[in-house]
Amino acid sequence: MTPIEWLDHTADIGFRATGPSLENAFCEAARAIFSFMFAIDSIVASTSHDVDVRASSLEGLLADWLSDLLAQKDLSGSVFSRFELTIAGSDAEGYQAKGRAWGERLDRVKHQAGTEIKGISYLGLSVDCDQSQCMTQVIVDV
């Protein structure tokens, strides 16, 4: 199975991102949103942005992780191609994700800018793990 599967959606864009761990699935979700907006293989991982988000659920944590990356793109003009993340917590105490995204300043010609993602929708957002893999499902506003 490929780590990213695009979903049909009437108004927006959806995808499923999978990985052997929760952290890997979250990183694949980040790769999915940046690969939808840009030619991700053209993005050089020369600078980094630290991310530290907290949420009461894994779905909220996923939304906050992706939203932070999108906000950083808008605030600093950076685009990302490499991601690393550590997740800690539980349903009872909430979750925290600490990570880093690597990329460079946006060059619309070099990075072949595509469709802009405006935000992450909570509708249809899910995180599911079993013994062999984790899957995230995300709908983004375009």
Foldseek 3Di string as FASTA:
>chain_A
DAQKAWDDDDAFTKIKGKDQDLQRSLFRVLQVQLVQFWVLVLWDQDDKDKDKDWDLDSLVVSQRVNQVQLVCCVPVQWGFNGKGWDKDDDNVGTIMIIIMTGTGHDDCVSGVGDDDFPGWDSVQWDWDDDNGMIMTMTTTHD
